[in-house]
Amino acid sequence: MRVLIIDDDMLVAMSLKTILEYDKDMEIAAVGNSGEEAIELYNELKPDILLMDIRMEGMTGLEAGEKILTRYPDAKILYLTTFMDDEYIVKAIAIGAKGYILKQDFEGIVPALEAVFRGQSVFGQDIVDKLPELMSKKGKPNYEAFDISEKEVEIIEEVAAGYSNKEIAERLFLSEGTVRNYISTILDKLELRDRTQLAIFYYKNK
């Protein structure tokens, strides 16, 4: 697994490099210190994962991530930050980041990278705990423009509430396979990647 590390605090960046190099499955492709450098190094090295800070001088990690994901939609970006701002969380997921974890959770960095490498979305428990609050601030989204049926709206609301496929099936009296099919169709219609982005879509469009 080749990881590109971007953090404007050189001490933090080098500490991350040292920690990750202890794992035999990790290879540090490069270390950079700005959003501009993130774009340049990503273009040059095409790492498996970009591990990046958010608040940096000049171009932020979110701005750099958005530019990278526009050019490379399959890029795997994991944000590592000390900030749990609502705006940052929503923006990170909206642009297609694969994860958002806090620097305080040092022990969770390697497992998060491994999960992202496997194609999963990873958000720290503190972030997950905030999602219901983020999604309860306004009313229901308007789905008319997306050709979403009433049943699909029900499924979206269940996903946004954090229920698993099995739980949704039990709550709506459907089979688990039917729920999976509904979610797949919904993701296609909304052009989203996964359940986490679906939950954020629910919040952003309320």
N, C-alpha and C. Protein backbone atom coordinates (compact mmCIF):
# COMPACT_ATOMS: atom_id res chain seq x y z
N MET A 1 0.84 -1.19 0.00
CA MET A 1 0.00 0.00 0.00
C MET A 1 0.89 1.25 0.00
N ARG A 2 0.79 2.06 -1.03
CA ARG A 2 1.61 3.27 -1.13
C ARG A 2 0.79 4.47 -0.64
N VAL A 3 1.33 5.16 0.36
CA VAL A 3 0.61 6.26 1.00
C VAL A 3 1.37 7.57 0.80
N LEU A 4 0.65 8.60 0.38
CA LEU A 4 1.19 9.95 0.28
C LEU A 4 0.69 10.73 1.50
N ILE A 5 1.61 11.31 2.26
CA ILE A 5 1.28 12.05 3.48
C ILE A 5 1.41 13.55 3.22
N ILE A 6 0.34 14.29 3.53
CA ILE A 6 0.37 15.75 3.38
C ILE A 6 -0.09 16.40 4.69
N ASP A 7 0.81 17.19 5.29
CA ASP A 7 0.47 17.93 6.51
C ASP A 7 1.41 19.13 6.59
N ASP A 8 0.86 20.32 6.87
CA ASP A 8 1.72 21.50 6.86
C ASP A 8 2.58 21.62 8.12
N ASP A 9 2.36 20.75 9.08
CA ASP A 9 3.24 20.66 10.25
C ASP A 9 4.26 19.56 9.96
N MET A 10 5.50 19.94 9.69
CA MET A 10 6.52 18.97 9.30
C MET A 10 6.73 17.91 10.37
N LEU A 11 6.66 18.32 11.63
CA LEU A 11 6.86 17.36 12.72
C LEU A 11 5.77 16.29 12.68
N VAL A 12 4.53 16.71 12.46
CA VAL A 12 3.42 15.77 12.37
C VAL A 12 3.60 14.85 11.16
N ALA A 13 3.95 15.45 10.03
CA ALA A 13 4.12 14.67 8.80
C ALA A 13 5.20 13.59 8.97
N MET A 14 6.32 13.97 9.55
CA MET A 14 7.41 13.00 9.72
C MET A 14 7.07 11.97 10.79
N SER A 15 6.31 12.38 11.81
CA SER A 15 5.87 11.42 12.83
C SER A 15 4.95 10.37 12.20
N LEU A 16 4.04 10.82 11.34
CA LEU A 16 3.15 9.89 10.63
C LEU A 16 3.97 8.93 9.77
N LYS A 17 4.95 9.47 9.08
CA LYS A 17 5.82 8.63 8.23
C LYS A 17 6.49 7.55 9.07
N THR A 18 7.03 7.94 10.23
CA THR A 18 7.71 6.98 11.10
C THR A 18 6.76 5.91 11.60
N ILE A 19 5.56 6.33 12.01
CA ILE A 19 4.57 5.37 12.52
C ILE A 19 4.16 4.38 11.44
N LEU A 20 3.86 4.89 10.26
CA LEU A 20 3.36 4.02 9.19
C LEU A 20 4.43 3.09 8.65
N GLU A 21 5.68 3.52 8.67
CA GLU A 21 6.76 2.68 8.15
C GLU A 21 7.02 1.45 9.02
N TYR A 22 6.51 1.45 10.25
CA TYR A 22 6.64 0.26 11.10
C TYR A 22 5.78 -0.88 10.56
N ASP A 23 4.75 -0.55 9.77
CA ASP A 23 3.88 -1.58 9.20
C ASP A 23 4.50 -2.06 7.89
N LYS A 24 4.77 -3.35 7.81
CA LYS A 24 5.46 -3.90 6.64
C LYS A 24 4.65 -3.76 5.36
N ASP A 25 3.33 -3.55 5.47
CA ASP A 25 2.49 -3.42 4.28
C ASP A 25 2.39 -1.98 3.78
N MET A 26 3.01 -1.06 4.51
CA MET A 26 2.95 0.35 4.16
C MET A 26 4.23 0.81 3.48
N GLU A 27 4.06 1.56 2.40
CA GLU A 27 5.19 2.23 1.75
C GLU A 27 4.84 3.70 1.63
N ILE A 28 5.69 4.57 2.15
CA ILE A 28 5.43 6.00 2.07
C ILE A 28 5.95 6.51 0.74
N ALA A 29 5.02 6.89 -0.14
CA ALA A 29 5.40 7.35 -1.48
C ALA A 29 6.13 8.68 -1.41
N ALA A 30 5.66 9.57 -0.53
CA ALA A 30 6.29 10.87 -0.35
C ALA A 30 5.61 11.59 0.81
N VAL A 31 6.24 12.67 1.25
CA VAL A 31 5.67 13.53 2.29
C VAL A 31 5.64 14.95 1.76
N GLY A 32 4.50 15.63 1.88
CA GLY A 32 4.37 17.01 1.42
C GLY A 32 3.75 17.87 2.50
N ASN A 33 3.77 19.19 2.28
CA ASN A 33 3.35 20.12 3.34
C ASN A 33 2.34 21.16 2.92
N SER A 34 1.66 20.97 1.77
CA SER A 34 0.67 21.95 1.33
C SER A 34 -0.33 21.32 0.38
N GLY A 35 -1.45 22.02 0.18
CA GLY A 35 -2.44 21.54 -0.78
C GLY A 35 -1.89 21.51 -2.19
N GLU A 36 -1.12 22.53 -2.53
CA GLU A 36 -0.52 22.57 -3.86
C GLU A 36 0.41 21.39 -4.07
N GLU A 37 1.18 21.06 -3.03
CA GLU A 37 2.11 19.93 -3.12
C GLU A 37 1.36 18.61 -3.22
N ALA A 38 0.20 18.54 -2.55
CA ALA A 38 -0.61 17.33 -2.62
C ALA A 38 -1.01 17.03 -4.05
N ILE A 39 -1.46 18.06 -4.77
CA ILE A 39 -1.86 17.88 -6.16
C ILE A 39 -0.67 17.47 -7.02
N GLU A 40 0.44 18.17 -6.84
CA GLU A 40 1.64 17.90 -7.64
C GLU A 40 2.14 16.48 -7.41
N LEU A 41 2.23 16.08 -6.15
CA LEU A 41 2.75 14.75 -5.82
C LEU A 41 1.77 13.65 -6.22
N TYR A 42 0.46 13.93 -6.07
CA TYR A 42 -0.52 12.92 -6.49
C TYR A 42 -0.42 12.69 -7.99
N ASN A 43 -0.34 13.77 -8.76
CA ASN A 43 -0.22 13.64 -10.21
C ASN A 43 1.01 12.83 -10.60
N GLU A 44 2.09 13.04 -9.86
CA GLU A 44 3.36 12.39 -10.19
C GLU A 44 3.41 10.93 -9.74
N LEU A 45 2.89 10.66 -8.54
CA LEU A 45 3.11 9.35 -7.90
C LEU A 45 1.92 8.40 -7.95
N LYS A 46 0.71 8.92 -8.09
CA LYS A 46 -0.50 8.10 -8.09
C LYS A 46 -0.51 7.09 -6.93
N PRO A 47 -0.46 7.58 -5.70
CA PRO A 47 -0.43 6.67 -4.54
C PRO A 47 -1.75 5.92 -4.39
N ASP A 48 -1.72 4.85 -3.59
CA ASP A 48 -2.97 4.12 -3.31
C ASP A 48 -3.89 4.97 -2.45
N ILE A 49 -3.30 5.69 -1.49
CA ILE A 49 -4.09 6.51 -0.58
C ILE A 49 -3.37 7.83 -0.32
N LEU A 50 -4.15 8.91 -0.27
CA LEU A 50 -3.63 10.22 0.12
C LEU A 50 -4.13 10.50 1.54
N LEU A 51 -3.20 10.56 2.49
CA LEU A 51 -3.52 10.88 3.89
C LEU A 51 -3.20 12.35 4.08
N MET A 52 -4.24 13.17 4.32
CA MET A 52 -4.04 14.63 4.23
C MET A 52 -4.74 15.40 5.34
N ASP A 53 -4.06 16.45 5.79
CA ASP A 53 -4.63 17.40 6.75
C ASP A 53 -5.65 18.28 6.02
N ILE A 54 -6.48 18.99 6.77
CA ILE A 54 -7.48 19.87 6.16
C ILE A 54 -7.04 21.32 6.20
N ARG A 55 -6.76 21.85 7.39
CA ARG A 55 -6.37 23.26 7.49
C ARG A 55 -4.88 23.40 7.21
N MET A 56 -4.57 24.06 6.10
CA MET A 56 -3.17 24.32 5.75
C MET A 56 -3.07 25.71 5.15
N GLU A 57 -1.90 26.29 5.24
CA GLU A 57 -1.67 27.61 4.66
C GLU A 57 -1.88 27.54 3.14
N GLY A 58 -2.47 28.59 2.58
CA GLY A 58 -2.72 28.59 1.14
C GLY A 58 -3.91 27.70 0.82
N MET A 59 -3.72 26.74 -0.08
CA MET A 59 -4.79 25.83 -0.47
C MET A 59 -5.06 24.82 0.63
N THR A 60 -6.32 24.71 1.03
CA THR A 60 -6.67 23.76 2.09
C THR A 60 -6.66 22.32 1.57
N GLY A 61 -6.69 21.38 2.49
CA GLY A 61 -6.77 19.98 2.09
C GLY A 61 -8.05 19.66 1.36
N LEU A 62 -9.15 20.33 1.75
CA LEU A 62 -10.43 20.11 1.08
C LEU A 62 -10.39 20.62 -0.36
N GLU A 63 -9.78 21.78 -0.56
CA GLU A 63 -9.66 22.32 -1.92
C GLU A 63 -8.78 21.43 -2.79
N ALA A 64 -7.67 20.99 -2.21
CA ALA A 64 -6.77 20.10 -2.96
C ALA A 64 -7.46 18.77 -3.27
N GLY A 65 -8.17 18.23 -2.28
CA GLY A 65 -8.88 16.97 -2.48
C GLY A 65 -9.92 17.05 -3.56
N GLU A 66 -10.64 18.16 -3.60
CA GLU A 66 -11.68 18.33 -4.62
C GLU A 66 -11.06 18.36 -6.02
N LYS A 67 -9.93 19.06 -6.15
CA LYS A 67 -9.26 19.12 -7.46
C LYS A 67 -8.76 17.73 -7.87
N ILE A 68 -8.20 17.00 -6.92
CA ILE A 68 -7.68 15.66 -7.22
C ILE A 68 -8.81 14.72 -7.62
N LEU A 69 -9.91 14.77 -6.87
CA LEU A 69 -11.03 13.86 -7.14
C LEU A 69 -11.76 14.22 -8.43
N THR A 70 -11.70 15.49 -8.82
CA THR A 70 -12.28 15.88 -10.10
C THR A 70 -11.51 15.23 -11.24
N ARG A 71 -10.20 15.19 -11.09
CA ARG A 71 -9.36 14.61 -12.14
C ARG A 71 -9.26 13.09 -12.01
N TYR A 72 -9.23 12.61 -10.76
CA TYR A 72 -9.10 11.17 -10.51
C TYR A 72 -10.25 10.73 -9.60
N PRO A 73 -11.42 10.44 -10.16
CA PRO A 73 -12.60 10.10 -9.34
C PRO A 73 -12.41 8.89 -8.42
N ASP A 74 -11.47 8.02 -8.77
CA ASP A 74 -11.25 6.83 -7.94
C ASP A 74 -10.19 7.04 -6.87
N ALA A 75 -9.68 8.26 -6.75
CA ALA A 75 -8.66 8.54 -5.73
C ALA A 75 -9.21 8.25 -4.34
N LYS A 76 -8.37 7.67 -3.51
CA LYS A 76 -8.76 7.38 -2.13
C LYS A 76 -8.09 8.42 -1.22
N ILE A 77 -8.91 9.30 -0.67
CA ILE A 77 -8.40 10.36 0.21
C ILE A 77 -8.94 10.15 1.61
N LEU A 78 -8.03 10.11 2.58
CA LEU A 78 -8.38 9.98 3.99
C LEU A 78 -7.91 11.24 4.69
N TYR A 79 -8.85 11.98 5.26
CA TYR A 79 -8.49 13.21 5.97
C TYR A 79 -8.16 12.89 7.43
N LEU A 80 -7.06 13.48 7.88
CA LEU A 80 -6.61 13.32 9.27
C LEU A 80 -6.46 14.72 9.84
N THR A 81 -7.29 15.09 10.80
CA THR A 81 -7.33 16.48 11.25
C THR A 81 -7.62 16.56 12.74
N THR A 82 -7.36 17.73 13.31
CA THR A 82 -7.71 17.95 14.71
C THR A 82 -9.08 18.63 14.82
N PHE A 83 -9.67 18.97 13.67
CA PHE A 83 -10.91 19.76 13.66
C PHE A 83 -12.13 18.93 13.29
N MET A 84 -13.21 19.10 14.05
CA MET A 84 -14.43 18.36 13.80
C MET A 84 -15.56 19.31 13.41
N ASP A 85 -15.24 20.31 12.58
CA ASP A 85 -16.23 21.28 12.14
C ASP A 85 -17.28 20.60 11.25
N ASP A 86 -18.55 20.94 11.47
CA ASP A 86 -19.64 20.38 10.66
C ASP A 86 -19.38 20.62 9.17
N GLU A 87 -18.97 21.85 8.85
CA GLU A 87 -18.76 22.21 7.45
C GLU A 87 -17.67 21.33 6.81
N TYR A 88 -16.62 21.07 7.55
CA TYR A 88 -15.52 20.24 7.03
C TYR A 88 -15.99 18.81 6.79
N ILE A 89 -16.74 18.27 7.74
CA ILE A 89 -17.21 16.89 7.62
C ILE A 89 -18.09 16.73 6.39
N VAL A 90 -19.06 17.63 6.24
CA VAL A 90 -19.98 17.56 5.11
C VAL A 90 -19.23 17.73 3.80
N LYS A 91 -18.33 18.71 3.75
CA LYS A 91 -17.58 18.97 2.52
C LYS A 91 -16.71 17.77 2.15
N ALA A 92 -16.03 17.19 3.13
CA ALA A 92 -15.14 16.06 2.86
C ALA A 92 -15.90 14.90 2.23
N ILE A 93 -17.07 14.59 2.76
CA ILE A 93 -17.84 13.47 2.23
C ILE A 93 -18.48 13.85 0.90
N ALA A 94 -18.89 15.10 0.78
CA ALA A 94 -19.55 15.55 -0.46
C ALA A 94 -18.61 15.47 -1.66
N ILE A 95 -17.32 15.75 -1.45
CA ILE A 95 -16.40 15.71 -2.59
C ILE A 95 -15.95 14.30 -2.92
N GLY A 96 -16.27 13.34 -2.02
CA GLY A 96 -15.93 11.95 -2.31
C GLY A 96 -14.77 11.39 -1.52
N ALA A 97 -14.40 12.06 -0.43
CA ALA A 97 -13.33 11.52 0.42
C ALA A 97 -13.76 10.18 1.00
N LYS A 98 -12.79 9.32 1.23
CA LYS A 98 -13.10 7.97 1.75
C LYS A 98 -13.09 7.92 3.27
N GLY A 99 -12.63 9.00 3.91
CA GLY A 99 -12.61 8.95 5.36
C GLY A 99 -12.24 10.27 5.99
N TYR A 100 -12.56 10.39 7.29
CA TYR A 100 -12.30 11.61 8.04
C TYR A 100 -12.09 11.16 9.48
N ILE A 101 -10.86 11.22 9.93
CA ILE A 101 -10.58 10.79 11.30
C ILE A 101 -9.77 11.86 12.02
N LEU A 102 -9.76 11.80 13.33
CA LEU A 102 -9.09 12.81 14.13
C LEU A 102 -7.67 12.38 14.49
N LYS A 103 -6.76 13.36 14.51
CA LYS A 103 -5.36 13.08 14.82
C LYS A 103 -5.20 12.51 16.23
N GLN A 104 -6.14 12.86 17.12
CA GLN A 104 -6.06 12.35 18.48
C GLN A 104 -6.14 10.82 18.52
N ASP A 105 -6.76 10.23 17.52
CA ASP A 105 -6.93 8.78 17.47
C ASP A 105 -5.78 8.14 16.70
N PHE A 106 -4.56 8.27 17.24
CA PHE A 106 -3.38 7.77 16.54
C PHE A 106 -3.45 6.27 16.29
N GLU A 107 -4.02 5.54 17.25
CA GLU A 107 -4.07 4.08 17.10
C GLU A 107 -4.99 3.65 15.97
N GLY A 108 -5.90 4.53 15.56
CA GLY A 108 -6.85 4.17 14.53
C GLY A 108 -6.40 4.49 13.12
N ILE A 109 -5.22 5.11 12.98
CA ILE A 109 -4.78 5.55 11.65
C ILE A 109 -4.49 4.37 10.72
N VAL A 110 -3.71 3.41 11.19
CA VAL A 110 -3.37 2.26 10.34
C VAL A 110 -4.61 1.44 9.98
N PRO A 111 -5.47 1.09 10.94
CA PRO A 111 -6.70 0.38 10.57
C PRO A 111 -7.56 1.16 9.59
N ALA A 112 -7.60 2.49 9.73
CA ALA A 112 -8.39 3.32 8.81
C ALA A 112 -7.81 3.25 7.41
N LEU A 113 -6.49 3.35 7.29
CA LEU A 113 -5.84 3.24 5.98
C LEU A 113 -6.11 1.88 5.35
N GLU A 114 -6.04 0.83 6.15
CA GLU A 114 -6.29 -0.52 5.62
C GLU A 114 -7.72 -0.65 5.12
N ALA A 115 -8.67 -0.07 5.86
CA ALA A 115 -10.08 -0.14 5.46
C ALA A 115 -10.31 0.65 4.16
N VAL A 116 -9.72 1.83 4.07
CA VAL A 116 -9.86 2.64 2.87
C VAL A 116 -9.24 1.91 1.68
N PHE A 117 -8.11 1.28 1.90
CA PHE A 117 -7.44 0.53 0.83
C PHE A 117 -8.34 -0.59 0.30
N ARG A 118 -9.16 -1.16 1.20
CA ARG A 118 -10.09 -2.23 0.80
C ARG A 118 -11.36 -1.67 0.15
N GLY A 119 -11.46 -0.35 0.07
CA GLY A 119 -12.62 0.25 -0.59
C GLY A 119 -13.72 0.73 0.34
N GLN A 120 -13.46 0.68 1.64
CA GLN A 120 -14.47 1.11 2.60
C GLN A 120 -14.37 2.60 2.89
N SER A 121 -15.46 3.17 3.38
CA SER A 121 -15.44 4.54 3.88
C SER A 121 -15.24 4.49 5.38
N VAL A 122 -14.38 5.36 5.90
CA VAL A 122 -14.02 5.30 7.31
C VAL A 122 -14.21 6.67 7.97
N PHE A 123 -15.01 6.69 9.01
CA PHE A 123 -15.19 7.92 9.76
C PHE A 123 -15.12 7.58 11.24
N GLY A 124 -14.36 8.38 11.99
CA GLY A 124 -14.19 8.12 13.41
C GLY A 124 -15.51 8.16 14.15
N GLN A 125 -15.55 7.53 15.31
CA GLN A 125 -16.81 7.46 16.07
C GLN A 125 -17.33 8.84 16.41
N ASP A 126 -16.42 9.78 16.68
CA ASP A 126 -16.85 11.14 16.98
C ASP A 126 -17.60 11.75 15.79
N ILE A 127 -17.14 11.41 14.57
CA ILE A 127 -17.78 11.93 13.37
C ILE A 127 -19.14 11.27 13.18
N VAL A 128 -19.18 9.94 13.32
CA VAL A 128 -20.43 9.19 13.17
C VAL A 128 -21.48 9.70 14.16
N ASP A 129 -21.04 10.00 15.38
CA ASP A 129 -21.96 10.48 16.40
C ASP A 129 -22.59 11.83 16.04
N LYS A 130 -21.89 12.61 15.21
CA LYS A 130 -22.41 13.92 14.84
C LYS A 130 -23.40 13.88 13.68
N LEU A 131 -23.40 12.80 12.89
CA LEU A 131 -24.23 12.76 11.70
C LEU A 131 -25.72 12.97 11.99
N PRO A 132 -26.30 12.30 13.00
CA PRO A 132 -27.73 12.54 13.27
C PRO A 132 -28.02 14.01 13.56
N GLU A 133 -27.12 14.68 14.28
CA GLU A 133 -27.29 16.10 14.56
C GLU A 133 -27.24 16.92 13.27
N LEU A 134 -26.29 16.60 12.41
CA LEU A 134 -26.17 17.32 11.15
C LEU A 134 -27.43 17.14 10.30
N MET A 135 -27.98 15.94 10.34
CA MET A 135 -29.10 15.63 9.46
C MET A 135 -30.45 16.02 10.03
N SER A 136 -30.48 16.56 11.25
CA SER A 136 -31.76 16.91 11.86
C SER A 136 -32.03 18.42 11.84
N LYS A 137 -31.17 19.17 11.12
CA LYS A 137 -31.27 20.62 11.20
C LYS A 137 -32.38 21.21 10.34
N LYS A 138 -32.84 20.49 9.33
CA LYS A 138 -33.85 21.05 8.42
C LYS A 138 -34.93 20.01 8.14
N GLY A 139 -35.79 20.29 7.19
CA GLY A 139 -36.87 19.37 6.85
C GLY A 139 -36.44 18.29 5.89
N LYS A 140 -37.40 17.76 5.12
CA LYS A 140 -37.10 16.66 4.20
C LYS A 140 -36.60 17.19 2.87
N PRO A 141 -35.71 16.42 2.22
CA PRO A 141 -35.23 16.84 0.89
C PRO A 141 -36.34 16.77 -0.14
N ASN A 142 -36.18 17.51 -1.22
CA ASN A 142 -37.09 17.44 -2.35
C ASN A 142 -36.47 16.50 -3.39
N TYR A 143 -37.09 15.35 -3.61
CA TYR A 143 -36.51 14.32 -4.47
C TYR A 143 -37.10 14.31 -5.89
N GLU A 144 -37.99 15.24 -6.18
CA GLU A 144 -38.68 15.19 -7.47
C GLU A 144 -37.71 15.20 -8.65
N ALA A 145 -36.66 15.98 -8.54
CA ALA A 145 -35.72 16.12 -9.66
C ALA A 145 -34.88 14.85 -9.87
N PHE A 146 -34.93 13.93 -8.90
CA PHE A 146 -34.08 12.75 -8.97
C PHE A 146 -34.85 11.46 -9.28
N ASP A 147 -36.16 11.59 -9.52
CA ASP A 147 -36.99 10.43 -9.84
C ASP A 147 -36.93 9.37 -8.74
N ILE A 148 -36.99 9.83 -7.50
CA ILE A 148 -36.96 8.94 -6.34
C ILE A 148 -38.38 8.64 -5.89
N SER A 149 -38.73 7.36 -5.78
CA SER A 149 -40.08 6.96 -5.38
C SER A 149 -40.27 7.12 -3.87
N GLU A 150 -41.52 7.02 -3.43
CA GLU A 150 -41.82 7.13 -2.00
C GLU A 150 -41.12 6.03 -1.20
N LYS A 151 -41.11 4.82 -1.75
CA LYS A 151 -40.45 3.72 -1.05
C LYS A 151 -38.94 3.97 -0.96
N GLU A 152 -38.38 4.52 -2.03
CA GLU A 152 -36.94 4.82 -2.02
C GLU A 152 -36.62 5.92 -1.00
N VAL A 153 -37.55 6.87 -0.84
CA VAL A 153 -37.37 7.91 0.18
C VAL A 153 -37.33 7.26 1.56
N GLU A 154 -38.21 6.30 1.79
CA GLU A 154 -38.20 5.58 3.07
C GLU A 154 -36.85 4.92 3.31
N ILE A 155 -36.33 4.28 2.27
CA ILE A 155 -35.04 3.61 2.39
C ILE A 155 -33.94 4.63 2.72
N ILE A 156 -33.94 5.75 2.03
CA ILE A 156 -32.94 6.80 2.27
C ILE A 156 -32.99 7.27 3.72
N GLU A 157 -34.19 7.49 4.22
CA GLU A 157 -34.34 7.97 5.59
C GLU A 157 -33.84 6.94 6.60
N GLU A 158 -34.05 5.66 6.30
CA GLU A 158 -33.56 4.60 7.18
C GLU A 158 -32.03 4.55 7.17
N VAL A 159 -31.45 4.68 5.97
CA VAL A 159 -29.98 4.69 5.85
C VAL A 159 -29.42 5.89 6.61
N ALA A 160 -30.04 7.06 6.42
CA ALA A 160 -29.59 8.29 7.08
C ALA A 160 -29.68 8.18 8.60
N ALA A 161 -30.62 7.37 9.08
CA ALA A 161 -30.78 7.17 10.53
C ALA A 161 -29.77 6.17 11.08
N GLY A 162 -28.99 5.56 10.18
CA GLY A 162 -27.93 4.67 10.62
C GLY A 162 -28.28 3.20 10.71
N TYR A 163 -29.43 2.80 10.17
CA TYR A 163 -29.83 1.40 10.24
C TYR A 163 -29.10 0.56 9.17
N SER A 164 -28.78 -0.67 9.51
CA SER A 164 -28.15 -1.60 8.57
C SER A 164 -29.20 -2.15 7.61
N ASN A 165 -28.75 -2.83 6.55
CA ASN A 165 -29.70 -3.44 5.60
C ASN A 165 -30.65 -4.39 6.30
N LYS A 166 -30.11 -5.18 7.20
CA LYS A 166 -30.93 -6.15 7.92
C LYS A 166 -31.99 -5.45 8.76
N GLU A 167 -31.58 -4.38 9.45
CA GLU A 167 -32.52 -3.64 10.30
C GLU A 167 -33.58 -2.95 9.45
N ILE A 168 -33.17 -2.40 8.31
CA ILE A 168 -34.13 -1.74 7.42
C ILE A 168 -35.15 -2.76 6.90
N ALA A 169 -34.66 -3.95 6.54
CA ALA A 169 -35.54 -5.00 6.05
C ALA A 169 -36.59 -5.36 7.10
N GLU A 170 -36.16 -5.46 8.34
CA GLU A 170 -37.08 -5.80 9.41
C GLU A 170 -38.09 -4.67 9.67
N ARG A 171 -37.61 -3.44 9.63
CA ARG A 171 -38.46 -2.28 9.92
C ARG A 171 -39.48 -2.03 8.82
N LEU A 172 -39.12 -2.31 7.57
CA LEU A 172 -40.02 -2.03 6.44
C LEU A 172 -40.67 -3.28 5.87
N PHE A 173 -40.44 -4.43 6.53
CA PHE A 173 -41.05 -5.70 6.12
C PHE A 173 -40.64 -6.07 4.69
N LEU A 174 -39.36 -5.98 4.42
CA LEU A 174 -38.79 -6.35 3.12
C LEU A 174 -37.72 -7.40 3.33
N SER A 175 -37.30 -8.04 2.25
CA SER A 175 -36.16 -8.95 2.37
C SER A 175 -34.88 -8.12 2.34
N GLU A 176 -33.81 -8.67 2.89
CA GLU A 176 -32.54 -7.96 2.91
C GLU A 176 -32.03 -7.73 1.48
N GLY A 177 -32.27 -8.71 0.61
CA GLY A 177 -31.86 -8.56 -0.79
C GLY A 177 -32.59 -7.42 -1.48
N THR A 178 -33.87 -7.26 -1.17
CA THR A 178 -34.65 -6.17 -1.75
C THR A 178 -34.11 -4.82 -1.30
N VAL A 179 -33.74 -4.74 -0.03
CA VAL A 179 -33.17 -3.49 0.50
C VAL A 179 -31.86 -3.17 -0.23
N ARG A 180 -31.02 -4.19 -0.41
CA ARG A 180 -29.76 -3.97 -1.14
C ARG A 180 -30.03 -3.46 -2.55
N ASN A 181 -31.03 -4.04 -3.21
CA ASN A 181 -31.37 -3.61 -4.57
C ASN A 181 -31.86 -2.16 -4.59
N TYR A 182 -32.69 -1.82 -3.61
CA TYR A 182 -33.18 -0.45 -3.51
C TYR A 182 -32.02 0.53 -3.35
N ILE A 183 -31.12 0.21 -2.45
CA ILE A 183 -29.99 1.11 -2.18
C ILE A 183 -29.10 1.25 -3.41
N SER A 184 -28.86 0.16 -4.11
CA SER A 184 -28.06 0.20 -5.33
C SER A 184 -28.71 1.11 -6.37
N THR A 185 -30.03 0.98 -6.53
CA THR A 185 -30.76 1.81 -7.49
C THR A 185 -30.71 3.28 -7.09
N ILE A 186 -30.88 3.54 -5.80
CA ILE A 186 -30.85 4.92 -5.29
C ILE A 186 -29.49 5.55 -5.54
N LEU A 187 -28.43 4.81 -5.25
CA LEU A 187 -27.07 5.33 -5.46
C LEU A 187 -26.84 5.65 -6.93
N ASP A 188 -27.35 4.80 -7.80
CA ASP A 188 -27.22 5.05 -9.25
C ASP A 188 -27.96 6.33 -9.65
N LYS A 189 -29.19 6.47 -9.16
CA LYS A 189 -30.00 7.64 -9.52
C LYS A 189 -29.35 8.95 -9.03
N LEU A 190 -28.77 8.90 -7.84
CA LEU A 190 -28.20 10.11 -7.25
C LEU A 190 -26.72 10.28 -7.58
N GLU A 191 -26.17 9.29 -8.29
CA GLU A 191 -24.75 9.31 -8.67
C GLU A 191 -23.86 9.45 -7.44
N LEU A 192 -24.13 8.60 -6.44
CA LEU A 192 -23.36 8.57 -5.20
C LEU A 192 -22.58 7.27 -5.12
N ARG A 193 -21.58 7.26 -4.26
CA ARG A 193 -20.69 6.09 -4.19
C ARG A 193 -21.11 5.05 -3.15
N ASP A 194 -21.60 5.53 -2.00
CA ASP A 194 -21.87 4.58 -0.92
C ASP A 194 -22.91 5.13 0.04
N ARG A 195 -23.20 4.35 1.08
CA ARG A 195 -24.24 4.71 2.06
C ARG A 195 -23.90 6.00 2.80
N THR A 196 -22.62 6.21 3.09
CA THR A 196 -22.22 7.40 3.82
C THR A 196 -22.53 8.65 3.00
N GLN A 197 -22.19 8.62 1.72
CA GLN A 197 -22.51 9.76 0.87
C GLN A 197 -24.02 9.95 0.74
N LEU A 198 -24.77 8.85 0.77
CA LEU A 198 -26.23 8.94 0.72
C LEU A 198 -26.76 9.67 1.95
N ALA A 199 -26.21 9.35 3.11
CA ALA A 199 -26.64 10.02 4.35
C ALA A 199 -26.31 11.50 4.29
N ILE A 200 -25.14 11.85 3.77
CA ILE A 200 -24.77 13.25 3.66
C ILE A 200 -25.63 13.96 2.62
N PHE A 201 -25.97 13.26 1.54
CA PHE A 201 -26.87 13.83 0.54
C PHE A 201 -28.20 14.20 1.22
N TYR A 202 -28.68 13.33 2.06
CA TYR A 202 -29.94 13.56 2.77
C TYR A 202 -29.85 14.86 3.56
N TYR A 203 -28.70 15.04 4.25
CA TYR A 203 -28.52 16.26 5.04
C TYR A 203 -28.40 17.50 4.15
N LYS A 204 -27.56 17.43 3.12
CA LYS A 204 -27.27 18.59 2.30
C LYS A 204 -28.49 19.09 1.52
N ASN A 205 -29.41 18.21 1.21
CA ASN A 205 -30.56 18.59 0.36
C ASN A 205 -31.83 18.84 1.16
N LYS A 206 -31.68 18.97 2.45
CA LYS A 206 -32.87 19.22 3.25
C LYS A 206 -33.22 20.70 3.22
